[in-house]
Amino acid sequence: MRLLWVLLFCCSFAFGQNCRPEALENDKRLMTAGEFKGAALLNKLESLIKELETLSKVPYKGAQKNAMKYCLKIKDQLFQKLMVRPEPSIQENASFQATLAAFYRLHNDMQTALIYIDRAVEIEPRNLSLLIQNLKLFDETHKIELKEIADKPIALNETKRIFEEYSKRAGRIAEHPEATKPLAIKALTSQAKIAEALKNPTQEMQYWDKIITLDPTNDAAHQKRFQYFISKQLVTDSIEAMKRMTRYNIANDNNWNDFLLMLAEAEKWNDLISWTNKAPDKVIASKPDYKINLARAYIELTRIKDAQKIMATLPTQLKGKAATLALQNRSRLAEDNADQLKAEGRLSEALDEYKKALKNSPRPLSIKEKISLLIYEYRKGLKFSPAEATRVDLEEVVQLLEQSVYKTEITSSLFGIYLHSLKIIEKPTELKRACTRFKEIYPELIRAKAYISYCQ
């Protein structure tokens, strides 16, 4: 701030010399003399616009303020007199057009200023300084607030056109071979934000990707790309984005949370195991959900011992969603154990484990069908005796399979078990209703021996 005041003092002193009475009288004479031509005229105009810009910014007070206002008026009149005199060669000069743009900008005539700066760029399309001035004037003319546009949909055609034009002008700077890296990144960021506002995610991601190419550690670009891929459940893109972010140590705790949750929801079990094991310890320790999802991944990949080890490390008191997910995992483990016991012929133990699994299973119908099949096969092996035990067991089979029969899908073999069980426990009304249902679902099997024996 102190440096700014020093500069302003120096400038005001220098221009104060040009505002002396004799200097102003000389300026008045120049208004009619016609002494300036060609390059000399252009130099004078450029000098005057610098004086005008500086005089308009310096905070003068008291009598000095009135003197400077008069000086500003004379300089302004001189500029206006001189600006209409240039010969054609000067009129086609980019610096002349840019100087006129600066003059109209000083008078808050932004539309006219933009016309002149556009003309300057037409004359010298590769002049980086002019491109920067051009974008700044376009911004000031249309009052584009990039901080505010990202979350606002662009509905009006004229607004859309203005934003597209702004992006086009920013692109000229971003692609300029002489543009510095910070300047190119700033221009690309503007383009990305406009693409976001215009709901063009493909183009937006391209701009963020260009920024990362220029600056591999640019956190804003990484975050925008990553959050977009996560929101769209783009697993492959999310993984590649996470690889980049971890490589440059940019991934934060929220990124890890969103990423691991997305992998679990997408049921990418191998990826979930791999990335959970790479995640920072503090992230995994922050929520039991991470270990619960990891255990589920092991279950889905039939790595039961690994799943059991993870589940053993969970807190005994869980709440909310974590508690529900943990119970479901334990249900899956019980179901897997029951399948193993059944395969070993330990049917009584298998039945107990299936019933444990049924309590909190995310797929209860499947377990009900397994229990029904196990009971039925067990009774069948005993030739459905003794009668009283058979009746109790098959009534349980009927109860377990009823929902599958009337509300969801059921295999024809399980339906056959349901029909046979109803016949053995002597439920004629229920059997008649079930036969009608069987005919609806499996009309091609009504001539089968089993259907005829149960239903006719």
Protein backbone atom coordinates (compact mmCIF):
# COMPACT_ATOMS: atom_id res chain seq x y z
CA MET A 1 0.00 0.00 0.00
CA ARG A 2 2.83 2.35 0.90
CA LEU A 3 4.49 1.60 -2.45
CA LEU A 4 1.22 2.45 -4.23
CA TRP A 5 1.05 5.85 -2.56
CA VAL A 6 4.69 6.53 -3.48
CA LEU A 7 3.93 5.70 -7.11
CA LEU A 8 0.83 7.87 -7.09
CA PHE A 9 2.81 10.74 -5.60
CA CYS A 10 5.48 10.44 -8.27
CA CYS A 11 2.87 10.26 -11.03
CA SER A 12 0.90 13.19 -9.62
CA PHE A 13 4.09 15.24 -9.43
CA ALA A 14 5.02 14.43 -13.01
CA PHE A 15 1.55 15.15 -14.32
CA GLY A 16 1.33 18.18 -12.07
CA GLN A 17 4.12 19.63 -14.18
CA ASN A 18 1.94 19.05 -17.25
CA CYS A 19 -0.97 20.83 -15.57
CA ARG A 20 0.87 24.12 -15.05
CA PRO A 21 -0.86 27.11 -16.73
CA GLU A 22 1.80 27.39 -19.45
CA ALA A 23 1.49 23.63 -20.18
CA LEU A 24 -2.28 23.89 -20.48
CA GLU A 25 -2.02 26.93 -22.77
CA ASN A 26 0.28 24.91 -24.97
CA ASP A 27 -2.30 22.11 -25.07
CA LYS A 28 -5.00 24.60 -26.12
CA ARG A 29 -2.79 25.79 -28.93
CA LEU A 30 -2.24 22.20 -30.07
CA MET A 31 -5.98 21.68 -30.40
CA THR A 32 -6.04 23.89 -33.50
CA ALA A 33 -2.45 23.88 -34.68
CA GLY A 34 -2.51 20.50 -36.44
CA GLU A 35 1.16 19.90 -35.60
CA PHE A 36 0.80 16.20 -34.79
CA LYS A 37 0.77 13.72 -37.65
CA GLY A 38 1.59 10.05 -38.18
CA ALA A 39 3.62 8.38 -35.42
CA ALA A 40 3.93 11.67 -33.52
CA LEU A 41 0.15 11.90 -33.29
CA LEU A 42 -0.10 8.32 -32.03
CA ASN A 43 2.62 8.94 -29.44
CA LYS A 44 0.81 12.06 -28.22
CA LEU A 45 -2.50 10.20 -27.91
CA GLU A 46 -0.84 7.37 -25.98
CA SER A 47 0.82 9.92 -23.70
CA LEU A 48 -2.45 11.75 -23.15
CA ILE A 49 -4.42 8.62 -22.29
CA LYS A 50 -1.82 7.74 -19.63
CA GLU A 51 -2.16 11.23 -18.18
CA LEU A 52 -5.96 10.99 -18.21
CA GLU A 53 -5.96 7.58 -16.55
CA THR A 54 -3.60 8.72 -13.82
CA LEU A 55 -5.33 12.06 -13.19
CA SER A 56 -8.69 10.30 -12.85
CA LYS A 57 -7.31 7.95 -10.16
CA VAL A 58 -5.37 10.33 -7.91
CA PRO A 59 -7.45 11.43 -4.87
CA TYR A 60 -6.87 15.22 -4.93
CA LYS A 61 -8.44 17.49 -2.28
CA GLY A 62 -9.37 21.16 -1.84
CA ALA A 63 -8.07 23.73 -4.31
CA GLN A 64 -5.75 21.17 -5.84
CA LYS A 65 -8.78 19.03 -6.70
CA ASN A 66 -10.40 21.87 -8.69
CA ALA A 67 -7.15 22.57 -10.52
CA MET A 68 -6.72 18.94 -11.46
CA LYS A 69 -10.35 18.69 -12.63
CA TYR A 70 -9.73 21.65 -14.95
CA CYS A 71 -6.50 20.05 -16.16
CA LEU A 72 -8.35 16.78 -16.79
CA LYS A 73 -10.96 18.66 -18.81
CA ILE A 74 -8.36 20.35 -21.03
CA LYS A 75 -6.45 17.09 -21.60
CA ASP A 76 -9.71 15.32 -22.43
CA GLN A 77 -10.66 18.00 -24.96
CA LEU A 78 -7.24 17.81 -26.54
CA PHE A 79 -7.51 14.03 -26.88
CA GLN A 80 -10.89 14.32 -28.56
CA LYS A 81 -9.57 16.90 -31.02
CA LEU A 82 -6.54 14.83 -31.91
CA MET A 83 -8.32 11.47 -32.16
CA VAL A 84 -10.31 12.56 -35.24
CA ARG A 85 -7.25 13.74 -37.20
CA PRO A 86 -5.23 10.61 -38.00
CA GLU A 87 -4.52 9.67 -41.59
CA PRO A 88 -5.63 6.20 -42.83
CA SER A 89 -2.27 4.59 -42.00
CA ILE A 90 -2.73 5.49 -38.32
CA GLN A 91 -6.38 4.51 -38.27
CA GLU A 92 -5.35 0.97 -39.21
CA ASN A 93 -2.83 0.86 -36.39
CA ALA A 94 -3.72 -1.56 -33.54
CA SER A 95 -2.18 0.74 -30.91
CA PHE A 96 -4.37 3.62 -32.11
CA GLN A 97 -7.50 1.47 -31.84
CA ALA A 98 -6.46 0.26 -28.37
CA THR A 99 -5.83 3.87 -27.27
CA LEU A 100 -9.33 4.87 -28.38
CA ALA A 101 -10.71 1.87 -26.50
CA ALA A 102 -8.91 3.08 -23.36
CA PHE A 103 -10.40 6.56 -23.83
CA TYR A 104 -13.99 5.29 -24.10
CA ARG A 105 -13.43 2.94 -21.18
CA LEU A 106 -12.30 5.94 -19.14
CA HIS A 107 -15.65 7.58 -20.02
CA ASN A 108 -17.55 4.38 -19.06
CA ASP A 109 -18.73 3.86 -22.64
CA MET A 110 -17.89 0.17 -22.53
CA GLN A 111 -19.73 -0.85 -25.69
CA THR A 112 -17.79 1.64 -27.81
CA ALA A 113 -14.55 0.73 -26.05
CA LEU A 114 -15.20 -2.93 -26.89
CA ILE A 115 -15.72 -2.07 -30.57
CA TYR A 116 -12.30 -0.40 -30.74
CA ILE A 117 -10.44 -3.11 -28.84
CA ASP A 118 -12.07 -5.74 -31.08
CA ARG A 119 -10.79 -3.78 -34.07
CA ALA A 120 -7.30 -3.70 -32.55
CA VAL A 121 -7.36 -7.49 -32.20
CA GLU A 122 -8.53 -7.85 -35.81
CA ILE A 123 -5.47 -5.87 -36.91
CA GLU A 124 -3.04 -7.81 -34.65
CA PRO A 125 -4.75 -11.13 -33.76
CA ARG A 126 -1.60 -12.62 -32.19
CA ASN A 127 -0.82 -9.66 -29.93
CA LEU A 128 -1.10 -11.17 -26.44
CA SER A 129 -1.34 -7.81 -24.67
CA LEU A 130 -4.29 -6.84 -26.88
CA LEU A 131 -5.98 -10.21 -26.30
CA ILE A 132 -5.75 -9.67 -22.55
CA GLN A 133 -7.16 -6.13 -22.84
CA ASN A 134 -9.88 -7.48 -25.12
CA LEU A 135 -11.01 -10.12 -22.60
CA LYS A 136 -10.91 -7.63 -19.73
CA LEU A 137 -13.07 -5.13 -21.61
CA PHE A 138 -15.52 -7.83 -22.67
CA ASP A 139 -15.76 -8.90 -19.03
CA GLU A 140 -16.32 -5.33 -17.82
CA THR A 141 -18.88 -4.65 -20.57
CA HIS A 142 -21.03 -7.69 -19.81
CA LYS A 143 -20.22 -7.85 -16.08
CA ILE A 144 -19.46 -11.57 -16.03
CA GLU A 145 -19.03 -12.88 -12.48
CA LEU A 146 -17.25 -16.21 -12.84
CA LYS A 147 -17.46 -16.87 -9.10
CA GLU A 148 -21.25 -16.92 -9.27
CA ILE A 149 -22.09 -18.59 -12.56
CA ALA A 150 -21.03 -22.18 -11.87
CA ASP A 151 -24.14 -23.08 -9.86
CA LYS A 152 -26.60 -21.16 -12.02
CA PRO A 153 -28.12 -22.71 -15.15
CA ILE A 154 -27.92 -20.48 -18.21
CA ALA A 155 -31.40 -20.30 -19.73
CA LEU A 156 -31.47 -17.14 -21.86
CA ASN A 157 -30.07 -17.43 -25.39
CA GLU A 158 -28.40 -14.00 -25.23
CA THR A 159 -26.67 -14.83 -21.95
CA LYS A 160 -25.57 -18.14 -23.42
CA ARG A 161 -24.14 -16.35 -26.46
CA ILE A 162 -22.23 -13.89 -24.26
CA PHE A 163 -20.74 -16.69 -22.18
CA GLU A 164 -19.74 -18.65 -25.26
CA GLU A 165 -18.08 -15.54 -26.69
CA TYR A 166 -16.24 -14.92 -23.42
CA SER A 167 -14.95 -18.51 -23.48
CA LYS A 168 -13.82 -18.07 -27.08
CA ARG A 169 -11.83 -14.94 -26.19
CA ALA A 170 -10.32 -16.64 -23.13
CA GLY A 171 -9.33 -19.55 -25.38
CA ARG A 172 -7.23 -17.26 -27.58
CA ILE A 173 -5.17 -16.36 -24.52
CA ALA A 174 -4.93 -19.95 -23.24
CA GLU A 175 -3.65 -21.17 -26.62
CA HIS A 176 -1.24 -18.28 -27.22
CA PRO A 177 2.38 -19.52 -27.43
CA GLU A 178 3.62 -16.54 -25.40
CA ALA A 179 1.09 -16.93 -22.58
CA THR A 180 2.68 -17.67 -19.23
CA LYS A 181 1.56 -20.78 -17.38
CA PRO A 182 -0.43 -18.81 -14.72
CA LEU A 183 -2.10 -16.75 -17.45
CA ALA A 184 -3.05 -19.83 -19.48
CA ILE A 185 -4.39 -21.57 -16.37
CA LYS A 186 -6.49 -18.52 -15.48
CA ALA A 187 -7.97 -18.43 -18.98
CA LEU A 188 -8.67 -22.18 -19.00
CA THR A 189 -10.29 -21.93 -15.57
CA SER A 190 -12.65 -19.29 -16.94
CA GLN A 191 -13.52 -21.58 -19.83
CA ALA A 192 -14.12 -24.52 -17.49
CA LYS A 193 -16.44 -22.51 -15.25
CA ILE A 194 -18.42 -21.29 -18.24
CA ALA A 195 -18.70 -24.84 -19.60
CA GLU A 196 -20.01 -25.91 -16.20
CA ALA A 197 -22.59 -23.12 -16.20
CA LEU A 198 -23.62 -24.08 -19.76
CA LYS A 199 -24.04 -27.70 -18.62
CA ASN A 200 -21.39 -29.03 -20.96
CA PRO A 201 -19.49 -31.48 -18.72
CA THR A 202 -17.49 -33.06 -21.55
CA GLN A 203 -15.98 -29.72 -22.52
CA GLU A 204 -15.57 -28.70 -18.88
CA MET A 205 -13.53 -31.85 -18.13
CA GLN A 206 -11.35 -31.18 -21.17
CA TYR A 207 -10.45 -27.73 -19.82
CA TRP A 208 -9.67 -29.09 -16.34
CA ASP A 209 -7.54 -31.78 -17.95
CA LYS A 210 -5.58 -29.15 -19.89
CA ILE A 211 -4.95 -27.30 -16.63
CA ILE A 212 -3.62 -30.48 -15.03
CA THR A 213 -1.33 -30.98 -18.03
CA LEU A 214 0.09 -27.49 -17.38
CA ASP A 215 0.10 -27.89 -13.61
CA PRO A 216 -0.12 -31.51 -12.40
CA THR A 217 -0.63 -30.35 -8.80
CA ASN A 218 -3.56 -27.99 -9.49
CA ASP A 219 -5.95 -28.93 -6.71
CA ALA A 220 -9.02 -27.13 -8.11
CA ALA A 221 -8.81 -28.97 -11.45
CA HIS A 222 -8.28 -32.35 -9.79
CA GLN A 223 -11.22 -31.80 -7.44
CA LYS A 224 -13.61 -30.75 -10.20
CA ARG A 225 -12.80 -33.76 -12.37
CA PHE A 226 -12.92 -36.17 -9.45
CA GLN A 227 -16.27 -34.94 -8.10
CA TYR A 228 -17.83 -35.09 -11.55
CA PHE A 229 -16.72 -38.69 -12.10
CA ILE A 230 -17.94 -39.68 -8.63
CA SER A 231 -21.33 -38.02 -9.14
CA LYS A 232 -21.83 -39.93 -12.39
CA GLN A 233 -20.60 -43.24 -10.93
CA LEU A 234 -17.90 -43.39 -13.62
CA VAL A 235 -15.78 -46.01 -11.90
CA THR A 236 -12.89 -46.24 -14.38
CA ASP A 237 -12.53 -42.46 -14.64
CA SER A 238 -12.80 -42.08 -10.86
CA ILE A 239 -10.03 -44.62 -10.33
CA GLU A 240 -7.75 -42.87 -12.82
CA ALA A 241 -8.49 -39.51 -11.18
CA MET A 242 -7.73 -40.97 -7.74
CA LYS A 243 -4.44 -42.39 -9.01
CA ARG A 244 -3.39 -38.89 -10.11
CA MET A 245 -4.50 -37.29 -6.87
CA THR A 246 -2.67 -39.78 -4.67
CA ARG A 247 0.43 -39.47 -6.86
CA TYR A 248 0.58 -35.74 -6.09
CA ASN A 249 -0.71 -36.09 -2.52
CA ILE A 250 -3.84 -34.06 -3.30
CA ALA A 251 -6.56 -36.51 -2.18
CA ASN A 252 -8.21 -35.36 1.05
CA ASP A 253 -10.33 -37.28 3.56
CA ASN A 254 -13.59 -36.36 1.80
CA ASN A 255 -12.18 -37.64 -1.50
CA TRP A 256 -11.34 -40.97 0.11
CA ASN A 257 -14.80 -41.17 1.67
CA ASP A 258 -16.62 -40.47 -1.61
CA PHE A 259 -14.34 -42.79 -3.55
CA LEU A 260 -14.58 -45.83 -1.27
CA LEU A 261 -18.34 -45.38 -0.93
CA MET A 262 -18.72 -45.20 -4.72
CA LEU A 263 -16.72 -48.43 -5.18
CA ALA A 264 -18.93 -50.19 -2.61
CA GLU A 265 -22.14 -48.95 -4.23
CA ALA A 266 -20.84 -50.00 -7.65
CA GLU A 267 -19.93 -53.40 -6.18
CA LYS A 268 -16.39 -53.22 -7.53
CA TRP A 269 -15.11 -55.59 -4.88
CA ASN A 270 -11.53 -56.13 -6.06
CA ASP A 271 -11.01 -52.39 -6.49
CA LEU A 272 -12.59 -51.70 -3.11
CA ILE A 273 -10.22 -54.12 -1.37
CA SER A 274 -7.19 -52.68 -3.14
CA TRP A 275 -8.03 -49.03 -2.44
CA THR A 276 -9.21 -49.57 1.13
CA ASN A 277 -5.82 -51.08 1.89
CA LYS A 278 -4.15 -47.99 0.34
CA ALA A 279 -6.27 -45.47 2.22
CA PRO A 280 -4.70 -43.51 5.10
CA ASP A 281 -5.15 -45.17 8.49
CA LYS A 282 -6.88 -42.10 9.89
CA VAL A 283 -9.54 -42.31 7.17
CA ILE A 284 -10.28 -45.98 7.81
CA ALA A 285 -10.36 -45.37 11.55
CA SER A 286 -12.83 -42.48 11.20
CA LYS A 287 -15.83 -44.64 10.24
CA PRO A 288 -16.68 -48.31 10.79
CA ASP A 289 -18.40 -48.28 7.38
CA TYR A 290 -15.06 -48.70 5.61
CA LYS A 291 -14.25 -51.97 7.36
CA ILE A 292 -17.82 -53.18 7.00
CA ASN A 293 -17.72 -52.59 3.24
CA LEU A 294 -14.30 -54.23 3.07
CA ALA A 295 -15.67 -57.30 4.86
CA ARG A 296 -18.56 -57.42 2.42
CA ALA A 297 -16.10 -57.30 -0.49
CA TYR A 298 -14.27 -60.31 0.96
CA ILE A 299 -17.60 -62.13 1.40
CA GLU A 300 -18.63 -61.48 -2.19
CA LEU A 301 -15.28 -62.86 -3.35
CA THR A 302 -15.70 -65.87 -1.01
CA ARG A 303 -12.65 -64.86 1.04
CA ILE A 304 -14.52 -65.79 4.19
CA LYS A 305 -11.58 -65.94 6.59
CA ASP A 306 -10.49 -62.43 5.56
CA ALA A 307 -14.04 -61.20 6.10
CA GLN A 308 -14.20 -62.81 9.53
CA LYS A 309 -10.94 -61.14 10.55
CA ILE A 310 -12.26 -57.72 9.55
CA MET A 311 -15.59 -58.23 11.31
CA ALA A 312 -13.76 -59.25 14.48
CA THR A 313 -12.10 -55.81 14.63
CA LEU A 314 -15.37 -53.86 14.62
CA PRO A 315 -16.65 -52.12 17.76
CA THR A 316 -19.31 -54.04 19.65
CA GLN A 317 -21.66 -51.05 19.78
CA LEU A 318 -22.59 -49.76 16.33
CA LYS A 319 -25.38 -47.37 15.43
CA GLY A 320 -27.50 -46.49 12.44
CA LYS A 321 -26.50 -47.64 8.98
CA ALA A 322 -23.22 -49.12 10.20
CA ALA A 323 -25.06 -51.41 12.61
CA THR A 324 -27.42 -52.57 9.85
CA LEU A 325 -24.57 -53.25 7.41
CA ALA A 326 -22.61 -55.15 10.06
CA LEU A 327 -25.61 -57.37 10.82
CA GLN A 328 -26.05 -58.05 7.11
CA ASN A 329 -22.40 -59.07 6.84
CA ARG A 330 -22.79 -61.42 9.79
CA SER A 331 -25.89 -62.83 8.12
CA ARG A 332 -23.89 -63.49 4.94
CA LEU A 333 -21.15 -65.18 6.94
CA ALA A 334 -23.72 -67.36 8.69
CA GLU A 335 -25.26 -68.27 5.34
CA ASP A 336 -21.88 -69.20 3.92
CA ASN A 337 -21.14 -71.31 7.00
CA ALA A 338 -24.52 -73.02 6.62
CA ASP A 339 -23.78 -73.83 2.97
CA GLN A 340 -20.51 -75.44 4.08
CA LEU A 341 -22.18 -77.45 6.85
CA LYS A 342 -24.86 -78.64 4.43
CA ALA A 343 -22.20 -79.73 1.93
CA GLU A 344 -20.57 -81.73 4.74
CA GLY A 345 -23.88 -83.42 5.55
CA ARG A 346 -24.26 -81.70 8.93
CA LEU A 347 -27.88 -80.81 8.23
CA SER A 348 -29.04 -79.96 11.74
CA GLU A 349 -26.17 -77.52 12.26
CA ALA A 350 -26.70 -76.09 8.79
CA LEU A 351 -30.37 -75.44 9.59
CA ASP A 352 -29.42 -73.53 12.75
CA GLU A 353 -26.96 -71.36 10.79
CA TYR A 354 -29.49 -70.65 8.05
CA LYS A 355 -31.96 -69.46 10.66
CA LYS A 356 -29.30 -67.19 12.16
CA ALA A 357 -28.60 -65.83 8.69
CA LEU A 358 -32.30 -65.18 8.06
CA LYS A 359 -32.62 -62.64 10.93
CA ASN A 360 -30.75 -59.79 9.22
CA SER A 361 -30.29 -61.01 5.69
CA PRO A 362 -30.37 -58.52 2.79
CA ARG A 363 -31.80 -61.37 0.70
CA PRO A 364 -34.25 -63.22 3.00
CA LEU A 365 -36.19 -65.01 0.25
CA SER A 366 -33.05 -66.79 -0.89
CA ILE A 367 -32.36 -68.07 2.64
CA LYS A 368 -36.01 -69.03 3.16
CA GLU A 369 -35.82 -71.13 0.04
CA LYS A 370 -32.59 -72.76 1.26
CA ILE A 371 -34.18 -73.57 4.62
CA SER A 372 -37.30 -74.94 2.91
CA LEU A 373 -35.24 -77.12 0.60
CA LEU A 374 -33.09 -78.38 3.49
CA ILE A 375 -36.14 -79.28 5.64
CA TYR A 376 -37.95 -80.91 2.74
CA GLU A 377 -34.94 -82.96 1.64
CA TYR A 378 -34.32 -83.98 5.24
CA ARG A 379 -37.95 -85.14 5.66
CA LYS A 380 -37.89 -86.81 2.29
CA GLY A 381 -34.81 -88.75 3.35
CA LEU A 382 -36.76 -89.94 6.39
CA LYS A 383 -39.68 -90.86 4.12
CA PHE A 384 -41.74 -88.09 5.77
CA SER A 385 -41.87 -89.70 9.20
CA PRO A 386 -42.69 -89.52 12.01
CA ALA A 387 -45.99 -87.99 10.89
CA GLU A 388 -46.32 -85.31 13.58
CA ALA A 389 -42.77 -84.01 13.11
CA THR A 390 -43.29 -84.08 9.36
CA ARG A 391 -46.44 -81.95 9.66
CA VAL A 392 -44.67 -79.32 11.80
CA ASP A 393 -41.65 -79.18 9.52
CA LEU A 394 -43.65 -78.96 6.28
CA GLU A 395 -45.93 -76.28 7.73
CA GLU A 396 -42.74 -74.28 8.22
CA VAL A 397 -41.77 -74.99 4.61
CA VAL A 398 -45.16 -73.72 3.41
CA GLN A 399 -44.83 -70.58 5.51
CA LEU A 400 -41.29 -69.88 4.25
CA LEU A 401 -42.15 -70.37 0.58
CA GLU A 402 -45.51 -68.57 0.55
CA GLN A 403 -44.04 -65.15 -0.19
CA SER A 404 -41.96 -66.54 -3.06
CA VAL A 405 -45.04 -68.23 -4.52
CA TYR A 406 -47.39 -65.23 -4.48
CA LYS A 407 -45.22 -62.09 -4.38
CA THR A 408 -41.95 -62.82 -6.16
CA GLU A 409 -40.45 -65.43 -8.43
CA ILE A 410 -39.89 -69.08 -7.56
CA THR A 411 -38.33 -71.99 -9.42
CA SER A 412 -40.62 -74.76 -10.64
CA SER A 413 -38.82 -77.30 -8.42
CA LEU A 414 -39.38 -75.20 -5.28
CA PHE A 415 -42.98 -74.66 -6.32
CA GLY A 416 -43.30 -78.41 -6.57
CA ILE A 417 -42.01 -78.72 -2.98
CA TYR A 418 -44.62 -76.15 -1.90
CA LEU A 419 -47.43 -78.09 -3.61
CA HIS A 420 -46.27 -81.43 -2.23
CA SER A 421 -45.98 -80.00 1.29
CA LEU A 422 -49.56 -78.63 1.12
CA LYS A 423 -50.83 -82.03 0.01
CA ILE A 424 -49.00 -83.93 2.77
CA ILE A 425 -50.24 -81.60 5.55
CA GLU A 426 -53.75 -81.73 4.02
CA LYS A 427 -54.48 -78.10 3.12
CA PRO A 428 -56.92 -78.54 0.19
CA THR A 429 -58.05 -74.89 -0.06
CA GLU A 430 -54.50 -73.57 -0.06
CA LEU A 431 -53.46 -76.34 -2.48
CA LYS A 432 -56.22 -75.40 -4.97
CA ARG A 433 -55.14 -71.73 -4.85
CA ALA A 434 -51.48 -72.71 -5.28
CA CYS A 435 -52.31 -74.91 -8.28
CA THR A 436 -54.02 -71.95 -9.97
CA ARG A 437 -50.92 -69.86 -9.31
CA PHE A 438 -48.65 -72.61 -10.71
CA LYS A 439 -50.75 -72.74 -13.88
CA GLU A 440 -50.30 -68.95 -14.30
CA ILE A 441 -46.54 -69.07 -13.90
CA TYR A 442 -45.71 -72.37 -15.59
CA PRO A 443 -48.44 -73.13 -18.13
CA GLU A 444 -46.00 -75.30 -20.05
CA LEU A 445 -45.70 -77.71 -17.07
CA ILE A 446 -49.37 -78.41 -16.35
CA ARG A 447 -49.07 -81.77 -18.08
CA ALA A 448 -46.15 -82.78 -15.92
CA LYS A 449 -46.61 -85.80 -13.70
CA ALA A 450 -45.98 -83.81 -10.49
CA TYR A 451 -48.60 -81.17 -11.32
CA ILE A 452 -51.18 -83.82 -12.21
CA SER A 453 -50.56 -85.77 -8.98
CA TYR A 454 -50.83 -82.62 -6.81
CA CYS A 455 -53.53 -80.64 -8.58
CA GLN A 456 -55.85 -83.12 -10.29
